[in-house]
Every structure is written in structure tokens, then in C-alpha cells.
Amino acid sequence: MVRTVFTRIESAQDTIEFQVKVSMIEIYMEKIRDLLDTSKTDLKIHEEKGKGVYMADLTEQYISDEREVFQTMK
């Protein structure tokens, strides 16, 4: 899946700009924990008409290539 995302970005027109961000969570016993900042526990799910479903205060990290995704996961 990660490779597919970056393959599609590489094959896109040069006039299109992409920003890729990664966030990672763990859901265990109905508690949501931010895996990029483990001090953030018990996050809440929110929904807004224009924004959709999201988690407030969830850490997002900008990624520029496939390698960075896997490094972040480590």
C-alpha cells in the first residue's frame, strides 16, 4: 500500500503537488493512544460536517518517501 501511494505520486503530472502525512494509533480496550507521541492517551474521535471524522490532537508527521514511512513505523 505504501509503495502504491508513492508510485502513483511519482507517475503524476509535474503540475500536481502532494503532501503526505502519517499518523499511527493503537485502539485497545476502547482507548485510543497516539503511537507517535505515547504521552497522548485516551484520544477522542470527533466528526464535523466539513472536516469528516478525525481525532483532535493526533500527531501527524510529514513523509517524503516510502523509506520514511517504514522508519517511522519502527
N, C-alpha and C. Protein backbone atom coordinates (compact mmCIF):
# COMPACT_ATOMS: atom_id res chain seq x y z
N MET A 1 0.82 -1.18 0.00
CA MET A 1 0.00 0.00 0.00
C MET A 1 0.87 1.26 0.00
N VAL A 2 1.90 1.26 0.83
CA VAL A 2 2.79 2.42 0.89
C VAL A 2 3.49 2.61 -0.45
N ARG A 3 3.98 1.54 -1.01
CA ARG A 3 4.66 1.62 -2.30
C ARG A 3 3.71 2.14 -3.37
N THR A 4 2.46 1.69 -3.36
CA THR A 4 1.47 2.14 -4.34
C THR A 4 1.23 3.64 -4.25
N VAL A 5 1.14 4.16 -3.05
CA VAL A 5 0.92 5.60 -2.87
C VAL A 5 2.06 6.38 -3.51
N PHE A 6 3.29 6.03 -3.21
CA PHE A 6 4.43 6.78 -3.74
C PHE A 6 4.66 6.52 -5.23
N THR A 7 4.31 5.35 -5.71
CA THR A 7 4.39 5.08 -7.15
C THR A 7 3.42 5.97 -7.90
N ARG A 8 2.21 6.11 -7.38
CA ARG A 8 1.21 6.98 -8.02
C ARG A 8 1.65 8.44 -7.98
N ILE A 9 2.24 8.86 -6.88
CA ILE A 9 2.72 10.24 -6.78
C ILE A 9 3.82 10.49 -7.81
N GLU A 10 4.75 9.55 -7.93
CA GLU A 10 5.86 9.70 -8.89
C GLU A 10 5.37 9.73 -10.33
N SER A 11 4.29 9.03 -10.63
CA SER A 11 3.80 8.99 -12.01
C SER A 11 2.78 10.09 -12.31
N ALA A 12 2.46 10.92 -11.33
CA ALA A 12 1.50 12.00 -11.54
C ALA A 12 2.14 13.14 -12.33
N GLN A 13 1.29 14.01 -12.83
CA GLN A 13 1.77 15.17 -13.58
C GLN A 13 2.61 16.06 -12.67
N ASP A 14 3.61 16.70 -13.27
CA ASP A 14 4.52 17.57 -12.52
C ASP A 14 3.80 18.79 -11.95
N THR A 15 2.64 19.12 -12.49
CA THR A 15 1.91 20.31 -12.02
C THR A 15 1.11 20.04 -10.74
N ILE A 16 1.08 18.79 -10.30
CA ILE A 16 0.35 18.43 -9.09
C ILE A 16 1.32 18.33 -7.93
N GLU A 17 0.97 18.94 -6.83
CA GLU A 17 1.80 18.90 -5.63
C GLU A 17 1.11 18.03 -4.57
N PHE A 18 1.88 17.20 -3.92
CA PHE A 18 1.35 16.29 -2.90
C PHE A 18 1.98 16.60 -1.55
N GLN A 19 1.19 16.42 -0.50
CA GLN A 19 1.70 16.45 0.87
C GLN A 19 1.22 15.16 1.52
N VAL A 20 2.17 14.38 2.02
CA VAL A 20 1.84 13.10 2.64
C VAL A 20 2.16 13.18 4.12
N LYS A 21 1.18 12.86 4.94
CA LYS A 21 1.37 12.85 6.39
C LYS A 21 0.98 11.48 6.92
N VAL A 22 1.64 11.08 8.00
CA VAL A 22 1.37 9.80 8.62
C VAL A 22 0.99 10.03 10.08
N SER A 23 0.02 9.28 10.53
CA SER A 23 -0.29 9.23 11.97
C SER A 23 -0.55 7.76 12.29
N MET A 24 -0.29 7.39 13.51
CA MET A 24 -0.47 5.99 13.91
C MET A 24 -1.13 5.94 15.28
N ILE A 25 -2.13 5.09 15.39
CA ILE A 25 -2.83 4.95 16.66
C ILE A 25 -2.94 3.49 17.04
N GLU A 26 -3.19 3.28 18.31
CA GLU A 26 -3.49 1.96 18.83
C GLU A 26 -4.85 2.06 19.52
N ILE A 27 -5.73 1.13 19.21
CA ILE A 27 -7.01 1.06 19.91
C ILE A 27 -6.99 -0.23 20.70
N TYR A 28 -7.06 -0.08 22.01
CA TYR A 28 -7.00 -1.23 22.91
C TYR A 28 -7.96 -0.99 24.06
N MET A 29 -8.85 -1.92 24.25
CA MET A 29 -9.84 -1.82 25.33
C MET A 29 -10.57 -0.47 25.28
N GLU A 30 -10.97 -0.09 24.05
CA GLU A 30 -11.74 1.13 23.79
C GLU A 30 -11.00 2.42 24.12
N LYS A 31 -9.69 2.35 24.26
CA LYS A 31 -8.85 3.53 24.47
C LYS A 31 -8.00 3.73 23.22
N ILE A 32 -7.88 4.99 22.80
CA ILE A 32 -7.09 5.33 21.61
C ILE A 32 -5.82 6.02 22.07
N ARG A 33 -4.68 5.48 21.61
CA ARG A 33 -3.37 6.02 22.01
C ARG A 33 -2.60 6.43 20.75
N ASP A 34 -1.98 7.59 20.81
CA ASP A 34 -1.14 8.11 19.72
C ASP A 34 0.20 7.39 19.78
N LEU A 35 0.57 6.67 18.74
CA LEU A 35 1.82 5.91 18.75
C LEU A 35 3.04 6.76 18.36
N LEU A 36 2.81 7.96 17.82
CA LEU A 36 3.93 8.85 17.53
C LEU A 36 4.26 9.75 18.71
N ASP A 37 3.34 9.88 19.64
CA ASP A 37 3.57 10.60 20.89
C ASP A 37 2.81 9.85 21.98
N THR A 38 3.48 8.90 22.60
CA THR A 38 2.81 7.99 23.53
C THR A 38 2.34 8.67 24.81
N SER A 39 2.65 9.94 25.00
CA SER A 39 2.09 10.67 26.15
C SER A 39 0.64 11.04 25.91
N LYS A 40 0.20 10.95 24.67
CA LYS A 40 -1.19 11.27 24.32
C LYS A 40 -2.01 9.98 24.37
N THR A 41 -2.79 9.84 25.42
CA THR A 41 -3.62 8.64 25.59
C THR A 41 -5.08 9.03 25.70
N ASP A 42 -5.93 8.08 25.46
CA ASP A 42 -7.37 8.26 25.56
C ASP A 42 -7.87 9.38 24.65
N LEU A 43 -7.39 9.39 23.39
CA LEU A 43 -7.84 10.38 22.42
C LEU A 43 -9.31 10.15 22.08
N LYS A 44 -9.99 11.19 21.67
CA LYS A 44 -11.41 11.12 21.35
C LYS A 44 -11.63 11.26 19.84
N ILE A 45 -12.61 10.54 19.34
CA ILE A 45 -13.00 10.63 17.93
C ILE A 45 -14.05 11.73 17.81
N HIS A 46 -13.86 12.60 16.81
CA HIS A 46 -14.79 13.70 16.56
C HIS A 46 -15.29 13.61 15.11
N GLU A 47 -16.42 14.26 14.85
CA GLU A 47 -16.93 14.32 13.49
C GLU A 47 -17.53 15.70 13.25
N GLU A 48 -17.12 16.33 12.14
CA GLU A 48 -17.65 17.62 11.74
C GLU A 48 -18.06 17.53 10.28
N LYS A 49 -19.08 18.25 9.92
CA LYS A 49 -19.61 18.19 8.57
C LYS A 49 -18.56 18.46 7.50
N GLY A 50 -17.80 19.53 7.63
CA GLY A 50 -16.81 19.89 6.62
C GLY A 50 -15.50 19.15 6.74
N LYS A 51 -15.18 18.66 7.92
CA LYS A 51 -13.89 18.03 8.18
C LYS A 51 -13.95 16.51 8.15
N GLY A 52 -15.10 15.95 8.42
CA GLY A 52 -15.24 14.50 8.48
C GLY A 52 -14.87 13.97 9.85
N VAL A 53 -14.49 12.70 9.89
CA VAL A 53 -14.11 12.04 11.14
C VAL A 53 -12.63 12.28 11.39
N TYR A 54 -12.28 12.65 12.63
CA TYR A 54 -10.88 12.91 12.96
C TYR A 54 -10.67 12.74 14.46
N MET A 55 -9.41 12.74 14.86
CA MET A 55 -9.03 12.70 16.27
C MET A 55 -8.26 13.98 16.58
N ALA A 56 -8.79 14.76 17.49
CA ALA A 56 -8.12 16.01 17.87
C ALA A 56 -6.81 15.68 18.57
N ASP A 57 -5.81 16.50 18.32
CA ASP A 57 -4.50 16.40 18.98
C ASP A 57 -3.71 15.16 18.57
N LEU A 58 -4.06 14.51 17.48
CA LEU A 58 -3.31 13.36 16.98
C LEU A 58 -2.05 13.86 16.27
N THR A 59 -0.92 13.30 16.58
CA THR A 59 0.35 13.69 15.97
C THR A 59 0.38 13.25 14.51
N GLU A 60 0.77 14.18 13.63
CA GLU A 60 0.94 13.87 12.20
C GLU A 60 2.36 14.24 11.81
N GLN A 61 2.98 13.37 11.04
CA GLN A 61 4.36 13.60 10.61
C GLN A 61 4.40 13.62 9.08
N TYR A 62 5.03 14.67 8.51
CA TYR A 62 5.18 14.74 7.07
C TYR A 62 6.19 13.69 6.61
N ILE A 63 5.88 13.06 5.49
CA ILE A 63 6.70 11.98 4.93
C ILE A 63 7.01 12.32 3.48
N SER A 64 8.25 12.07 3.05
CA SER A 64 8.61 12.39 1.67
C SER A 64 8.85 11.16 0.79
N ASP A 65 9.02 10.00 1.42
CA ASP A 65 9.22 8.79 0.61
C ASP A 65 8.84 7.54 1.39
N GLU A 66 8.83 6.44 0.70
CA GLU A 66 8.44 5.15 1.26
C GLU A 66 9.32 4.75 2.46
N ARG A 67 10.61 4.99 2.35
CA ARG A 67 11.54 4.64 3.41
C ARG A 67 11.19 5.34 4.72
N GLU A 68 10.79 6.60 4.64
CA GLU A 68 10.44 7.35 5.85
C GLU A 68 9.22 6.77 6.54
N VAL A 69 8.28 6.24 5.78
CA VAL A 69 7.10 5.61 6.39
C VAL A 69 7.53 4.43 7.26
N PHE A 70 8.36 3.57 6.69
CA PHE A 70 8.79 2.38 7.43
C PHE A 70 9.71 2.74 8.60
N GLN A 71 10.51 3.78 8.44
CA GLN A 71 11.36 4.24 9.54
C GLN A 71 10.49 4.77 10.68
N THR A 72 9.44 5.47 10.37
CA THR A 72 8.52 5.99 11.38
C THR A 72 7.82 4.85 12.10
N MET A 73 7.48 3.82 11.37
CA MET A 73 6.80 2.67 11.97
C MET A 73 7.72 1.95 12.97
N LYS A 74 9.02 1.94 12.70
CA LYS A 74 9.97 1.29 13.61
C LYS A 74 9.95 1.98 14.95
